[in-house]
Amino acid sequence: MDIKIGDLVTFKKGLYADEDGAVYRVLEVNGDRVVLELANTNMTIRPQSVAILSELEFYVDRDNVSKEVHGLINQ
């Protein structure tokens, strides 16, 4: 998988129930790990976390998650 900085990603379906619907923007790629920022939120300071590349997939807008995500895609 060729994930790079700025890509929108989600966790693979079924891995983490509490991540269902969350869309992240990749801030940094470091080997098999990435630093992510929650993209579909109204929070001024967006939560960040570290994830393993193999647990991620490219974001596909299946459910029109939020206007914020669409804004990021069009940037």
N, C-alpha and C. Protein backbone atom coordinates (compact mmCIF):
# COMPACT_ATOMS: atom_id res chain seq x y z
N MET A 1 0.85 -1.17 0.00
CA MET A 1 0.00 0.00 0.00
C MET A 1 0.89 1.23 0.00
N ASP A 2 0.56 2.17 -0.85
CA ASP A 2 1.40 3.36 -1.02
C ASP A 2 0.75 4.58 -0.35
N ILE A 3 0.61 4.53 0.96
CA ILE A 3 0.03 5.65 1.71
C ILE A 3 1.10 6.71 1.88
N LYS A 4 0.69 7.96 1.66
CA LYS A 4 1.64 9.08 1.79
C LYS A 4 1.00 10.21 2.60
N ILE A 5 1.82 11.18 2.94
CA ILE A 5 1.35 12.32 3.73
C ILE A 5 0.21 13.02 2.99
N GLY A 6 -0.85 13.31 3.74
CA GLY A 6 -2.01 14.00 3.18
C GLY A 6 -3.14 13.08 2.77
N ASP A 7 -2.87 11.77 2.63
CA ASP A 7 -3.92 10.83 2.24
C ASP A 7 -4.98 10.72 3.34
N LEU A 8 -6.21 10.48 2.92
CA LEU A 8 -7.29 10.20 3.85
C LEU A 8 -7.43 8.69 3.96
N VAL A 9 -7.48 8.19 5.19
CA VAL A 9 -7.52 6.75 5.44
C VAL A 9 -8.54 6.43 6.53
N THR A 10 -8.89 5.16 6.60
CA THR A 10 -9.72 4.63 7.68
C THR A 10 -9.07 3.33 8.15
N PHE A 11 -9.47 2.88 9.32
CA PHE A 11 -9.04 1.55 9.75
C PHE A 11 -9.86 0.52 9.00
N LYS A 12 -9.26 -0.62 8.70
CA LYS A 12 -9.96 -1.68 8.00
C LYS A 12 -11.20 -2.09 8.78
N LYS A 13 -12.26 -2.37 8.06
CA LYS A 13 -13.53 -2.75 8.67
C LYS A 13 -13.34 -3.96 9.58
N GLY A 14 -13.95 -3.89 10.76
CA GLY A 14 -13.94 -5.01 11.68
C GLY A 14 -12.78 -5.04 12.66
N LEU A 15 -11.77 -4.21 12.47
CA LEU A 15 -10.63 -4.23 13.40
C LEU A 15 -10.97 -3.61 14.74
N TYR A 16 -11.53 -2.40 14.69
CA TYR A 16 -11.85 -1.66 15.91
C TYR A 16 -13.24 -1.07 15.78
N ALA A 17 -14.17 -1.59 16.56
CA ALA A 17 -15.56 -1.13 16.47
C ALA A 17 -15.69 0.36 16.77
N ASP A 18 -14.87 0.88 17.69
CA ASP A 18 -14.97 2.29 18.06
C ASP A 18 -14.38 3.23 17.01
N GLU A 19 -13.75 2.70 15.98
CA GLU A 19 -13.19 3.52 14.90
C GLU A 19 -14.09 3.56 13.68
N ASP A 20 -15.22 2.86 13.74
CA ASP A 20 -16.13 2.81 12.60
C ASP A 20 -16.63 4.21 12.26
N GLY A 21 -16.43 4.65 11.05
CA GLY A 21 -16.86 5.97 10.61
C GLY A 21 -15.80 7.05 10.75
N ALA A 22 -14.71 6.76 11.45
CA ALA A 22 -13.65 7.75 11.64
C ALA A 22 -12.78 7.82 10.39
N VAL A 23 -12.48 9.03 9.96
CA VAL A 23 -11.63 9.26 8.80
C VAL A 23 -10.43 10.06 9.28
N TYR A 24 -9.24 9.64 8.88
CA TYR A 24 -8.00 10.26 9.33
C TYR A 24 -7.20 10.79 8.16
N ARG A 25 -6.43 11.84 8.42
CA ARG A 25 -5.47 12.36 7.45
C ARG A 25 -4.08 11.95 7.92
N VAL A 26 -3.25 11.47 7.02
CA VAL A 26 -1.89 11.05 7.35
C VAL A 26 -1.00 12.28 7.46
N LEU A 27 -0.35 12.43 8.63
CA LEU A 27 0.55 13.55 8.87
C LEU A 27 2.01 13.18 8.67
N GLU A 28 2.34 11.92 8.95
CA GLU A 28 3.74 11.48 8.88
C GLU A 28 3.78 9.99 8.62
N VAL A 29 4.71 9.55 7.78
CA VAL A 29 4.93 8.13 7.54
C VAL A 29 6.33 7.81 8.05
N ASN A 30 6.42 6.78 8.91
CA ASN A 30 7.70 6.40 9.50
C ASN A 30 7.79 4.88 9.47
N GLY A 31 8.31 4.34 8.37
CA GLY A 31 8.41 2.89 8.23
C GLY A 31 7.04 2.27 8.12
N ASP A 32 6.72 1.35 9.04
CA ASP A 32 5.41 0.68 9.00
C ASP A 32 4.39 1.36 9.90
N ARG A 33 4.71 2.55 10.38
CA ARG A 33 3.82 3.32 11.26
C ARG A 33 3.52 4.68 10.64
N VAL A 34 2.36 5.21 11.00
CA VAL A 34 1.98 6.55 10.54
C VAL A 34 1.42 7.35 11.70
N VAL A 35 1.56 8.66 11.61
CA VAL A 35 0.90 9.56 12.55
C VAL A 35 -0.35 10.07 11.84
N LEU A 36 -1.49 9.94 12.51
CA LEU A 36 -2.78 10.30 11.93
C LEU A 36 -3.42 11.45 12.70
N GLU A 37 -4.27 12.19 11.99
CA GLU A 37 -5.07 13.24 12.59
C GLU A 37 -6.52 12.98 12.20
N LEU A 38 -7.42 13.00 13.19
CA LEU A 38 -8.83 12.78 12.91
C LEU A 38 -9.33 13.89 11.99
N ALA A 39 -9.89 13.52 10.84
CA ALA A 39 -10.31 14.50 9.84
C ALA A 39 -11.76 14.90 9.98
N ASN A 40 -12.64 13.97 10.31
CA ASN A 40 -14.06 14.30 10.36
C ASN A 40 -14.50 14.63 11.78
N THR A 41 -14.06 15.81 12.22
CA THR A 41 -14.41 16.31 13.54
C THR A 41 -14.51 17.83 13.48
N ASN A 42 -15.27 18.40 14.40
CA ASN A 42 -15.39 19.85 14.51
C ASN A 42 -14.46 20.40 15.58
N MET A 43 -13.66 19.55 16.20
CA MET A 43 -12.77 20.00 17.27
C MET A 43 -11.70 20.94 16.70
N THR A 44 -11.42 22.00 17.44
CA THR A 44 -10.39 22.94 17.02
C THR A 44 -9.02 22.28 16.99
N ILE A 45 -8.71 21.53 18.04
CA ILE A 45 -7.46 20.77 18.09
C ILE A 45 -7.82 19.32 17.78
N ARG A 46 -7.43 18.87 16.61
CA ARG A 46 -7.82 17.53 16.15
C ARG A 46 -6.98 16.45 16.84
N PRO A 47 -7.65 15.41 17.33
CA PRO A 47 -6.91 14.31 17.97
C PRO A 47 -5.94 13.65 16.99
N GLN A 48 -4.78 13.26 17.50
CA GLN A 48 -3.78 12.56 16.70
C GLN A 48 -3.45 11.23 17.34
N SER A 49 -3.02 10.29 16.52
CA SER A 49 -2.62 8.98 17.04
C SER A 49 -1.63 8.34 16.08
N VAL A 50 -1.05 7.24 16.53
CA VAL A 50 -0.12 6.46 15.72
C VAL A 50 -0.81 5.16 15.34
N ALA A 51 -0.61 4.72 14.11
CA ALA A 51 -1.23 3.47 13.64
C ALA A 51 -0.24 2.68 12.81
N ILE A 52 -0.54 1.41 12.64
CA ILE A 52 0.27 0.51 11.81
C ILE A 52 -0.31 0.54 10.39
N LEU A 53 0.54 0.71 9.40
CA LEU A 53 0.09 0.80 8.01
C LEU A 53 -0.81 -0.36 7.59
N SER A 54 -0.49 -1.56 8.01
CA SER A 54 -1.26 -2.73 7.57
C SER A 54 -2.70 -2.74 8.09
N GLU A 55 -3.01 -1.87 9.07
CA GLU A 55 -4.37 -1.80 9.61
C GLU A 55 -5.23 -0.75 8.91
N LEU A 56 -4.65 -0.05 7.92
CA LEU A 56 -5.33 1.06 7.27
C LEU A 56 -5.71 0.74 5.84
N GLU A 57 -6.71 1.48 5.35
CA GLU A 57 -7.08 1.43 3.94
C GLU A 57 -7.43 2.85 3.51
N PHE A 58 -7.33 3.10 2.21
CA PHE A 58 -7.67 4.42 1.70
C PHE A 58 -9.14 4.70 1.96
N TYR A 59 -9.45 5.95 2.27
CA TYR A 59 -10.83 6.37 2.52
C TYR A 59 -11.62 6.35 1.23
N VAL A 60 -12.78 5.71 1.27
CA VAL A 60 -13.72 5.72 0.16
C VAL A 60 -15.03 6.24 0.73
N ASP A 61 -15.55 7.30 0.16
CA ASP A 61 -16.76 7.93 0.69
C ASP A 61 -17.99 7.09 0.37
N ARG A 62 -18.28 6.14 1.24
CA ARG A 62 -19.44 5.27 1.04
C ARG A 62 -20.72 5.88 1.61
N ASP A 63 -20.57 6.68 2.66
CA ASP A 63 -21.73 7.16 3.40
C ASP A 63 -21.80 8.68 3.54
N ASN A 64 -21.01 9.42 2.75
CA ASN A 64 -20.96 10.88 2.89
C ASN A 64 -20.73 11.26 4.34
N VAL A 65 -19.60 10.84 4.89
CA VAL A 65 -19.30 10.93 6.31
C VAL A 65 -19.52 12.33 6.87
N SER A 66 -18.92 13.37 6.29
CA SER A 66 -19.12 14.72 6.79
C SER A 66 -18.62 15.75 5.80
N LYS A 67 -19.12 16.96 5.93
CA LYS A 67 -18.69 18.03 5.04
C LYS A 67 -17.22 18.36 5.25
N GLU A 68 -16.72 18.19 6.48
CA GLU A 68 -15.31 18.48 6.76
C GLU A 68 -14.40 17.60 5.91
N VAL A 69 -14.74 16.34 5.77
CA VAL A 69 -13.93 15.42 4.97
C VAL A 69 -13.96 15.84 3.51
N HIS A 70 -15.12 16.22 3.01
CA HIS A 70 -15.20 16.65 1.62
C HIS A 70 -14.36 17.89 1.40
N GLY A 71 -14.32 18.77 2.38
CA GLY A 71 -13.46 19.95 2.28
C GLY A 71 -12.00 19.57 2.19
N LEU A 72 -11.58 18.55 2.95
CA LEU A 72 -10.19 18.10 2.90
C LEU A 72 -9.86 17.49 1.56
N ILE A 73 -10.78 16.75 0.99
CA ILE A 73 -10.54 16.11 -0.30
C ILE A 73 -10.35 17.15 -1.39
N ASN A 74 -11.07 18.25 -1.30
CA ASN A 74 -11.01 19.28 -2.34
C ASN A 74 -9.86 20.26 -2.15
N GLN A 75 -9.08 20.13 -1.09
CA GLN A 75 -7.97 21.06 -0.86
C GLN A 75 -6.82 20.78 -1.77
